[in-house]
Protein backbone atom coordinates (compact mmCIF):
# COMPACT_ATOMS: atom_id res chain seq x y z
CA MET A 1 7.12 0.43 32.54
CA ALA A 2 3.53 1.51 32.83
CA LEU A 3 0.73 2.49 30.45
CA CYS A 4 0.65 6.15 31.85
CA SER A 5 4.68 6.61 30.90
CA PRO A 6 5.13 9.00 27.82
CA ARG A 7 6.85 6.44 25.75
CA VAL A 8 3.97 4.13 26.24
CA ARG A 9 1.31 6.45 25.75
CA ALA A 10 2.82 7.22 22.25
CA GLY A 11 3.05 3.64 21.48
CA LEU A 12 -0.93 3.00 22.23
CA LEU A 13 -1.47 5.32 19.32
CA GLY A 14 -0.45 2.76 17.10
CA LEU A 15 -3.98 1.64 17.02
CA GLY A 16 -5.01 4.04 19.79
CA LEU A 17 -7.14 4.15 22.75
CA ALA A 18 -5.66 6.37 25.45
CA LEU A 19 -5.91 4.45 28.59
CA THR A 20 -6.41 6.39 32.03
CA ALA A 21 -5.28 3.58 34.13
CA CYS A 22 -1.47 2.52 34.48
CA LEU A 23 -1.11 -1.02 33.85
CA PRO A 24 2.22 -2.86 33.73
CA VAL A 25 3.64 -3.49 30.23
CA PRO A 26 6.44 -5.32 29.71
CA ALA A 27 9.74 -3.92 28.76
CA THR A 28 11.42 -6.48 26.59
CA ALA A 29 10.12 -8.94 23.83
CA THR A 30 7.81 -11.44 25.67
CA ALA A 31 5.31 -13.81 24.43
CA ALA A 32 2.30 -15.68 26.18
CA PRO A 33 2.71 -19.75 25.06
CA SER A 34 1.14 -20.39 22.27
CA PRO A 35 -2.25 -22.14 22.68
CA VAL A 36 -1.90 -23.54 19.25
CA THR A 37 -0.02 -26.52 18.31
CA SER A 38 3.26 -25.42 16.49
CA PRO A 39 3.09 -26.65 13.14
CA THR A 40 5.18 -28.98 11.51
CA THR A 41 7.21 -29.19 8.21
CA THR A 42 4.69 -30.98 6.46
CA SER A 43 3.44 -29.76 3.49
CA PRO A 44 -0.17 -28.40 3.18
CA GLY A 45 -0.33 -31.34 0.79
CA ALA A 46 0.26 -34.09 3.05
CA ALA A 47 -2.02 -35.80 5.31
CA ALA A 48 0.67 -38.62 6.59
CA HIS A 49 0.94 -36.58 9.79
CA THR A 50 -2.24 -36.04 11.61
CA SER A 51 -2.53 -33.80 14.49
CA PRO A 52 -5.02 -33.52 17.67
CA VAL A 53 -7.43 -31.33 17.90
CA ALA A 54 -5.71 -27.72 18.27
CA ALA A 55 -6.06 -25.50 21.20
CA LEU A 56 -7.99 -22.42 21.05
CA THR A 57 -6.51 -19.19 20.85
CA VAL A 58 -6.53 -15.79 23.08
CA GLU A 59 -8.90 -14.27 20.46
CA GLU A 60 -11.08 -17.06 20.17
CA LEU A 61 -11.90 -17.90 23.85
CA ARG A 62 -13.16 -14.36 24.26
CA LEU A 63 -16.23 -15.89 22.24
CA ASP A 64 -17.37 -17.59 25.35
CA ARG A 65 -18.49 -13.94 26.62
CA ALA A 66 -21.85 -12.63 26.37
CA VAL A 67 -20.82 -9.41 24.28
CA PRO A 68 -19.62 -10.84 21.44
CA ARG A 69 -22.41 -13.54 21.34
CA GLU A 70 -24.97 -10.50 21.69
CA ILE A 71 -23.12 -8.80 18.79
CA LEU A 72 -23.34 -12.10 16.42
CA ALA A 73 -27.13 -12.85 17.23
CA ALA A 74 -28.04 -9.01 16.83
CA SER A 75 -26.41 -8.97 13.35
CA GLY A 76 -27.68 -12.46 12.01
CA PHE A 77 -23.90 -13.30 11.77
CA ASP A 78 -24.27 -15.98 14.46
CA THR A 79 -25.42 -18.31 11.33
CA VAL A 80 -21.74 -18.14 10.08
CA ALA A 81 -19.66 -20.67 12.11
CA PRO A 82 -22.48 -23.22 12.14
CA GLU A 83 -22.94 -23.19 8.35
CA LEU A 84 -19.02 -23.52 8.11
CA ALA A 85 -19.37 -26.48 10.47
CA ARG A 86 -21.92 -28.22 8.38
CA ARG A 87 -20.13 -27.63 5.28
CA LEU A 88 -16.95 -29.30 6.66
CA GLY A 89 -18.83 -31.83 7.58
CA THR A 90 -19.21 -33.06 3.96
CA ALA A 91 -15.75 -32.58 3.10
CA HIS A 92 -13.60 -35.94 2.39
CA SER A 93 -10.40 -34.66 1.57
CA TYR A 94 -7.97 -31.56 2.25
CA ALA A 95 -8.45 -30.14 -1.10
CA GLN A 96 -12.35 -30.11 -0.34
CA ALA A 97 -12.07 -28.58 2.76
CA ARG A 98 -9.92 -25.92 1.35
CA ARG A 99 -12.60 -25.17 -0.82
CA VAL A 100 -15.15 -25.06 1.63
CA VAL A 101 -12.95 -22.89 3.98
CA VAL A 102 -12.21 -20.33 0.96
CA GLY A 103 -15.86 -20.21 -0.09
CA GLU A 104 -17.17 -19.46 3.03
CA GLY A 105 -14.45 -16.64 4.14
CA SER A 106 -14.91 -14.81 0.94
CA ALA A 107 -18.67 -14.81 1.51
CA LEU A 108 -18.48 -13.57 5.11
CA TRP A 109 -16.34 -10.65 3.72
CA ARG A 110 -19.12 -9.84 0.94
CA ARG A 111 -21.70 -10.22 3.40
CA ALA A 112 -20.06 -7.55 5.61
CA VAL A 113 -19.79 -5.61 2.95
CA ASP A 114 -22.80 -5.63 1.90
CA ARG A 115 -24.61 -5.25 5.17
CA ALA A 116 -22.36 -2.13 5.80
CA GLN A 117 -23.43 -0.63 2.22
CA GLY A 118 -27.06 -1.36 2.49
CA ARG A 119 -27.32 -4.28 0.43
CA GLY A 120 -29.36 -7.29 1.27
CA PRO A 121 -30.91 -7.86 4.79
CA THR A 122 -29.50 -6.47 7.77
CA GLY A 123 -29.79 -9.60 9.89
CA GLY A 124 -30.79 -7.75 13.05
CA GLU A 125 -31.18 -4.52 15.05
CA LEU A 126 -27.52 -4.03 15.03
CA SER A 127 -26.35 -0.86 12.92
CA PRO A 128 -25.24 -1.90 9.41
CA ASP A 129 -22.13 0.18 9.57
CA ASP A 130 -20.54 -2.03 12.75
CA ASP A 131 -17.58 -3.85 11.97
CA ARG A 132 -17.78 -6.15 14.94
CA PRO A 133 -19.95 -8.96 13.27
CA LEU A 134 -17.28 -9.44 10.87
CA TYR A 135 -14.43 -9.98 13.42
CA TRP A 136 -16.32 -12.02 16.05
CA ALA A 137 -17.90 -14.21 13.05
CA ARG A 138 -14.34 -14.99 11.72
CA LEU A 139 -13.18 -15.68 15.07
CA ALA A 140 -16.09 -18.34 15.50
CA MET A 141 -15.08 -19.90 12.18
CA SER A 142 -11.20 -20.01 12.73
CA ARG A 143 -12.38 -21.83 16.06
CA GLN A 144 -14.59 -24.49 14.21
CA VAL A 145 -11.45 -25.25 11.91
CA ARG A 146 -9.11 -25.18 14.69
CA GLN A 147 -10.86 -27.88 16.44
CA TRP A 148 -12.86 -29.89 13.22
CA ASP A 149 -11.50 -33.71 13.59
CA PRO A 150 -12.35 -34.79 10.21
CA GLY A 151 -12.37 -38.68 9.37
CA PHE A 152 -9.33 -38.61 6.74
CA GLY A 153 -6.69 -37.23 8.83
CA LEU A 154 -5.26 -33.31 8.87
CA SER A 155 -1.89 -32.59 9.49
CA GLU A 156 -0.89 -29.80 11.32
CA ALA A 157 0.34 -28.14 8.13
CA GLN A 158 -2.80 -28.60 6.94
CA ARG A 159 -4.95 -27.11 9.52
CA ALA A 160 -2.57 -23.98 9.83
CA ALA A 161 -3.00 -23.55 5.96
CA LEU A 162 -6.65 -23.60 6.25
CA ILE A 163 -6.87 -21.10 8.82
CA GLY A 164 -4.57 -18.87 6.69
CA ASP A 165 -7.01 -19.23 3.77
CA LEU A 166 -9.73 -18.08 5.97
CA GLU A 167 -7.99 -15.16 7.44
CA ARG A 168 -6.85 -14.17 4.05
CA THR A 169 -10.42 -14.72 2.25
CA SER A 170 -12.69 -13.02 5.31
CA ARG A 171 -10.44 -9.85 5.67
CA GLY A 172 -10.94 -8.89 1.80
CA GLN A 173 -7.24 -9.81 1.25
CA ALA A 174 -7.88 -12.01 -1.48
CA ASP A 175 -10.80 -10.03 -3.07
CA ILE A 176 -8.89 -6.92 -4.03
CA ARG A 177 -10.24 -6.17 -7.71
CA LEU A 178 -8.66 -3.46 -9.50
CA PRO A 179 -10.18 -2.58 -12.51
CA HIS A 180 -8.52 -2.55 -15.78
CA GLY A 181 -8.88 -0.90 -19.09
CA ALA A 182 -10.35 2.36 -17.58
CA LYS A 183 -8.16 5.06 -18.30
CA ASP A 184 -9.73 8.00 -16.60
CA LEU A 185 -10.43 6.06 -13.28
CA LYS A 186 -8.11 6.07 -10.46
CA ARG A 187 -7.10 3.43 -8.42
CA VAL A 188 -7.18 3.75 -4.74
CA LEU A 189 -6.49 0.78 -1.69
CA VAL A 190 -7.41 1.63 1.62
CA THR A 191 -6.34 -0.66 5.09
CA GLY A 192 -8.21 -0.90 8.40
CA PHE A 193 -7.98 -3.12 11.45
CA ASP A 194 -9.40 -5.39 13.71
CA PRO A 195 -11.33 -4.27 17.23
CA PHE A 196 -8.34 -4.24 19.84
CA THR A 197 -7.80 -3.85 23.79
CA LEU A 198 -10.39 -6.13 23.93
CA ASP A 199 -9.80 -7.30 27.74
CA ARG A 200 -10.32 -3.74 28.52
CA ASP A 201 -13.60 -3.41 26.83
CA VAL A 202 -14.64 -6.40 24.74
CA ARG A 203 -17.64 -4.18 23.34
CA ILE A 204 -15.06 -2.44 21.25
CA SER A 205 -15.58 -1.28 17.70
CA ASN A 206 -12.70 0.16 15.21
CA PRO A 207 -13.77 2.90 12.99
CA SER A 208 -10.91 1.99 10.64
CA GLY A 209 -12.17 -1.58 9.90
CA ALA A 210 -15.86 0.09 9.37
CA SER A 211 -14.54 2.33 6.86
CA ALA A 212 -12.60 -0.52 5.06
CA LEU A 213 -16.11 -2.35 5.03
CA ALA A 214 -18.35 1.09 3.97
CA LEU A 215 -15.45 2.11 1.07
CA ASP A 216 -14.84 -1.36 -0.67
CA GLY A 217 -15.51 -1.19 -4.23
CA THR A 218 -17.04 2.14 -4.25
CA VAL A 219 -16.53 4.97 -6.57
CA ILE A 220 -15.65 8.38 -5.19
CA GLU A 221 -15.76 11.66 -7.61
CA THR A 222 -12.68 13.83 -7.03
CA ALA A 223 -11.60 16.72 -8.71
CA GLN A 224 -9.82 14.55 -11.13
CA GLY A 225 -12.21 12.28 -11.85
CA PRO A 226 -13.96 9.29 -10.45
CA ALA A 227 -11.75 6.87 -8.42
CA ARG A 228 -12.41 3.20 -7.22
CA ILE A 229 -11.47 2.32 -3.82
CA GLU A 230 -10.42 -1.34 -2.67
CA THR A 231 -10.08 -2.49 0.83
CA ALA A 232 -8.86 -4.98 3.43
CA VAL A 233 -8.41 -5.53 6.86
CA PHE A 234 -5.59 -6.61 8.99
CA PRO A 235 -5.12 -8.38 12.41
CA VAL A 236 -4.01 -6.88 15.44
CA ARG A 237 -1.22 -9.57 15.90
CA TRP A 238 2.51 -8.96 16.11
CA ARG A 239 2.96 -12.46 14.51
CA ASP A 240 1.27 -11.96 11.43
CA PHE A 241 3.04 -8.79 10.48
CA ALA A 242 6.23 -10.84 11.38
CA GLU A 243 5.28 -13.17 8.93
CA GLY A 244 4.83 -10.90 5.96
CA THR A 245 1.16 -10.55 5.84
CA VAL A 246 1.13 -6.62 4.94
CA GLU A 247 3.71 -7.03 2.21
CA ARG A 248 1.98 -10.25 0.85
CA THR A 249 -1.07 -8.69 0.44
CA LEU A 250 0.06 -5.17 -0.68
CA ARG A 251 2.88 -6.07 -3.15
CA PRO A 252 0.68 -7.35 -5.79
CA TYR A 253 -1.02 -4.07 -6.03
CA LEU A 254 1.25 -1.04 -5.37
CA ARG A 255 2.38 -0.75 -8.89
CA GLN A 256 -1.22 -0.82 -10.13
CA VAL A 257 -2.82 1.92 -7.87
CA ASP A 258 -2.80 5.59 -7.96
CA LEU A 259 -2.78 6.41 -4.29
CA PHE A 260 -2.94 4.22 -0.91
CA THR A 261 -3.25 4.69 2.72
CA THR A 262 -3.48 2.50 5.88
CA VAL A 263 -5.84 3.74 8.60
CA SER A 264 -6.26 3.07 12.39
CA GLN A 265 -7.80 4.55 15.20
CA GLY A 266 -5.87 7.08 17.07
CA ARG A 267 -6.32 9.76 19.06
CA VAL A 268 -9.62 11.21 20.63
CA GLY A 269 -11.43 14.09 18.83
CA ARG A 270 -8.81 14.22 15.78
CA PHE A 271 -7.43 12.83 12.45
CA ASP A 272 -3.96 12.77 11.87
CA VAL A 273 -1.75 12.30 9.04
CA GLU A 274 1.16 10.57 10.16
CA ARG A 275 4.32 12.16 8.45
CA THR A 276 6.86 9.73 9.51
CA ASN A 277 6.96 6.32 10.73
CA GLY A 278 9.38 4.46 12.94
CA ALA A 279 11.20 0.83 12.94
CA TRP A 280 10.66 0.30 16.46
CA ARG A 281 7.70 -2.26 18.30
CA GLY A 282 7.04 -0.78 21.62
CA GLY A 283 5.71 -3.83 23.69
CA PHE A 284 2.05 -3.13 23.98
CA PRO A 285 0.07 -6.22 24.08
CA ASP A 286 -1.64 -7.29 21.00
CA ASN A 287 -5.06 -9.21 20.58
CA GLU A 288 -3.06 -12.51 21.60
CA ASN A 289 -2.13 -10.52 24.94
CA VAL A 290 1.53 -10.87 23.32
CA SER A 291 4.17 -8.11 23.64
CA ARG A 292 7.14 -7.36 21.45
CA THR A 293 9.68 -4.73 21.91
CA GLU A 294 12.17 -4.91 19.23
CA THR A 295 13.10 -3.38 15.87
CA VAL A 296 10.52 -4.15 13.23
CA PRO A 297 11.37 -7.33 11.32
CA VAL A 298 11.88 -7.07 7.70
CA THR A 299 13.45 -9.02 5.11
CA ASP A 300 16.74 -7.41 4.48
CA PRO A 301 17.46 -5.97 7.56
CA ALA A 302 20.92 -4.57 6.23
CA SER A 303 19.13 -2.03 4.32
CA GLN A 304 16.43 -1.08 6.47
CA PRO A 305 16.09 2.50 7.06
CA GLN A 306 15.23 4.05 10.91
CA TRP A 307 12.39 5.66 9.19
CA THR A 308 10.10 6.00 6.16
CA THR A 309 7.98 8.93 5.46
CA THR A 310 4.10 9.67 3.97
CA THR A 311 3.74 10.84 0.18
CA LEU A 312 0.16 11.61 0.77
CA PRO A 313 -0.41 15.10 -0.05
CA TYR A 314 -0.81 16.24 3.69
CA ARG A 315 -0.88 20.31 3.28
CA GLU A 316 -4.01 19.70 1.11
CA ILE A 317 -5.86 17.28 3.81
CA VAL A 318 -5.41 19.11 6.34
CA ALA A 319 -6.43 22.28 4.69
CA ALA A 320 -9.71 21.02 3.63
CA ASP A 321 -12.86 20.70 5.19
CA THR A 322 -13.44 17.22 5.54
CA GLY A 323 -15.88 16.76 8.36
CA ARG A 324 -16.31 17.35 11.98
CA PHE A 325 -13.43 16.35 13.47
CA PRO A 326 -10.26 18.33 12.97
CA VAL A 327 -7.16 17.06 11.12
CA TYR A 328 -3.36 17.35 11.55
CA ASP A 329 -0.47 17.16 10.15
CA ASN A 330 1.46 15.38 13.02
CA THR A 331 5.14 15.67 12.39
CA SER A 332 6.45 14.37 16.17
CA VAL A 333 8.46 11.38 16.42
CA THR A 334 10.72 9.64 19.34
CA GLU A 335 14.07 8.99 18.78
CA ILE A 336 17.39 7.94 20.19
CA PRO A 337 19.62 10.89 19.16
CA ALA A 338 22.81 9.86 17.25
CA GLY A 339 26.24 10.16 18.96
CA ASP A 340 26.73 10.69 22.86
CA PRO A 341 25.37 14.06 24.09
CA PRO A 342 22.77 14.90 24.83
CA SER A 343 21.46 10.97 25.11
CA GLY A 344 24.01 9.87 27.74
CA GLY A 345 25.52 7.46 25.16
CA GLY A 346 22.34 7.09 22.77
CA THR A 347 20.31 5.46 25.02
CA VAL A 348 17.88 7.75 26.37
CA PRO A 349 14.33 8.65 23.93
CA VAL A 350 14.07 12.18 23.26
CA VAL A 351 10.49 13.42 21.54
CA ARG A 352 11.05 15.69 18.19
CA PRO A 353 8.12 17.40 17.58
CA ASP A 354 9.42 18.58 14.25
CA GLY A 355 10.36 15.01 12.94
CA PRO A 356 13.67 12.81 13.52
CA THR A 357 17.09 14.09 13.38
CA ALA A 358 19.94 12.72 11.08
CA GLY A 359 21.38 9.29 12.10
CA SER A 360 18.91 8.77 14.84
CA THR A 361 17.33 5.30 15.99
CA ALA A 362 13.63 5.08 15.76
CA ARG A 363 11.71 4.50 18.99
CA ALA A 364 8.18 5.87 17.84
CA GLY A 365 7.10 7.11 14.52
CA GLY A 366 4.01 9.83 14.52
CA GLY A 367 1.81 6.97 15.02
CA GLY A 368 3.40 5.40 18.08
CA ASP A 369 5.14 2.14 18.25
CA TYR A 370 2.20 -0.17 17.94
CA LEU A 371 0.98 -1.80 14.97
CA SER A 372 -0.64 1.06 13.24
CA ASN A 373 2.64 2.47 12.99
CA GLU A 374 3.97 -0.37 11.86
CA ILE A 375 1.60 -0.93 8.85
CA ALA A 376 2.39 2.41 8.10
CA TYR A 377 6.19 1.70 8.23
CA ARG A 378 6.03 -1.80 6.37
CA ALA A 379 3.76 -0.09 3.45
CA THR A 380 5.75 3.03 2.87
CA LEU A 381 9.24 0.85 3.30
CA LEU A 382 7.49 -1.80 0.46
CA ARG A 383 6.58 1.75 -1.61
CA ASP A 384 10.25 2.51 -1.58
CA ARG A 385 11.74 -0.89 -2.13
CA LEU A 386 9.60 -1.10 -5.12
CA GLY A 387 10.88 2.11 -6.37
CA LEU A 388 7.93 4.12 -6.15
CA ARG A 389 8.65 6.54 -3.45
CA GLU A 390 8.32 9.56 -6.23
CA ALA A 391 5.18 8.31 -8.11
CA LEU A 392 3.15 6.88 -5.69
CA PRO A 393 1.11 8.75 -3.00
CA GLY A 394 1.05 6.62 0.38
CA GLY A 395 0.97 6.93 4.49
CA HIS A 396 -0.99 6.70 7.21
CA VAL A 397 -3.94 8.35 8.31
CA HIS A 398 -5.01 7.96 12.24
CA THR A 399 -9.00 8.33 13.16
CA PRO A 400 -10.44 9.78 16.13
CA VAL A 401 -11.06 7.32 18.92
CA LEU A 402 -14.57 5.64 18.67
CA GLN A 403 -16.51 6.50 21.87
CA PHE A 404 -19.67 5.22 23.30
CA GLY A 405 -22.52 7.61 24.59
CA ALA A 406 -21.30 9.84 27.97
CA GLY A 407 -23.99 7.26 30.05
CA ASN A 408 -22.55 4.05 27.96
CA THR A 409 -19.10 3.85 29.47
CA ASP A 410 -18.46 1.32 31.84
CA PRO A 411 -18.20 -1.91 30.11
CA ALA A 412 -19.27 -3.90 33.00
CA THR A 413 -22.69 -2.60 32.85
CA GLY A 414 -22.81 -0.77 29.49
CA THR A 415 -24.62 -2.12 26.16
CA VAL A 416 -22.76 -2.92 23.24
CA THR A 417 -24.10 0.17 21.01
CA ASP A 418 -25.88 3.61 21.74
CA PRO A 419 -27.03 6.52 19.22
CA GLU A 420 -23.75 8.46 20.01
CA PHE A 421 -21.43 5.58 19.25
CA VAL A 422 -23.29 5.11 15.89
CA ARG A 423 -23.15 8.72 15.06
CA ASN A 424 -19.44 8.92 16.01
CA ARG A 425 -18.74 5.64 13.76
CA LEU A 426 -20.80 6.95 10.67
CA ASP A 427 -18.95 10.26 11.04
CA ILE A 428 -15.76 8.99 11.02
CA ILE A 429 -16.54 6.68 8.16
CA ALA A 430 -17.63 9.75 6.43
CA GLN A 431 -14.58 11.76 7.17
CA VAL A 432 -12.13 8.95 6.26
CA ARG A 433 -14.23 8.98 2.67
CA ALA A 434 -13.82 12.70 2.19
CA ILE A 435 -9.78 12.51 3.17
CA VAL A 436 -9.36 9.80 0.60
CA THR A 437 -11.38 12.21 -2.01
CA VAL A 438 -9.10 15.18 -0.84
CA ALA A 439 -6.12 12.64 -1.43
CA VAL A 440 -6.65 11.48 -4.43
CA SER A 441 -7.43 15.51 -5.88
CA GLY A 442 -4.22 16.92 -4.28
CA ALA A 443 -1.97 13.92 -5.40
CA ALA A 444 -3.12 14.23 -9.16
CA GLY A 445 -2.85 17.61 -8.82
């Protein structure tokens, strides 16, 4: 199967960049051998079992390229990992190391949010709205933790727990602060993603992650009064989703918010409100170059539906003037129809422009079959399993692809930024804010 096939092209919209080359994609579930030592069953509190320094991951190895180093230097975030290493050097126990990692991870998230929102020094010539310094600084920090060899001994489980703490804190997942007691203040949860397809172009930025940084902790004025937005960012890795990172992050807050939307990068030149999400992983490789082709793995698979739907006020969003990019109500899905005809035994995927038919099996939601479809599916399934489907507006929004300027499209010769690239990102961020504003107003109305 190649990326130019209709089925895989739809899958790319899961976090989407339209690829022009036809590259081979595994048709079955495959995974590259993990470069990280497998964790034991030792509890995080026990250090009886020490482990060798862990091998670097595929993502961390990309830090050796020139572009990530340039992005870190041009933003001032090149000091983050050395500071973590210095502080870890003063830790004499796992408990002390955990405090260091949690503190430095949280500080990285706050620094990235402050930079995006114009607080404090910009730390370099890179545009403050850029999400890439956060991504590459986090990887530089996890690289330090993975190769740290403390004198007191560190079990494999403890090292994995430290990296998990770093992931959660530096993504804002541990920093969701919903206000209490303000009766007239709406509460909104928005999520974004890391950059991805980095082996195609390591310069890539993700406007959904940039939007999360720009919106975190901000208050917007809607037709129904003020609304406070809290955000978090998720990895582009199949394994994290299978391990429940979406549910673990969102479950404590869905009963407290008035609206949520997951956001990712989608099609060129347009926003989409995805009407339907499918329970299928289509196999496109993630940021670890791992592929998964299977039903989305969730708890209680016996009760797992093939499809979930948005409860965002999509009609109001599409009708509103939110910015320079058109916004569409996307109803298309790809399914295997129920029964024999016309599917030849129920095995041939069929595109349905108006949504799934009764009893069909999912092969792509409106947002494809990659991780943005999956976060939308998981978040809306969680909403439904919590009994909130009729009460809580929630769903997925795809942003336009963030494009470099016309003379800066070649990753081999191009620069890490340009004025059109920055303008495009700022316009997308502003339109995400406007869409959320309309959504809160429409849902409340």
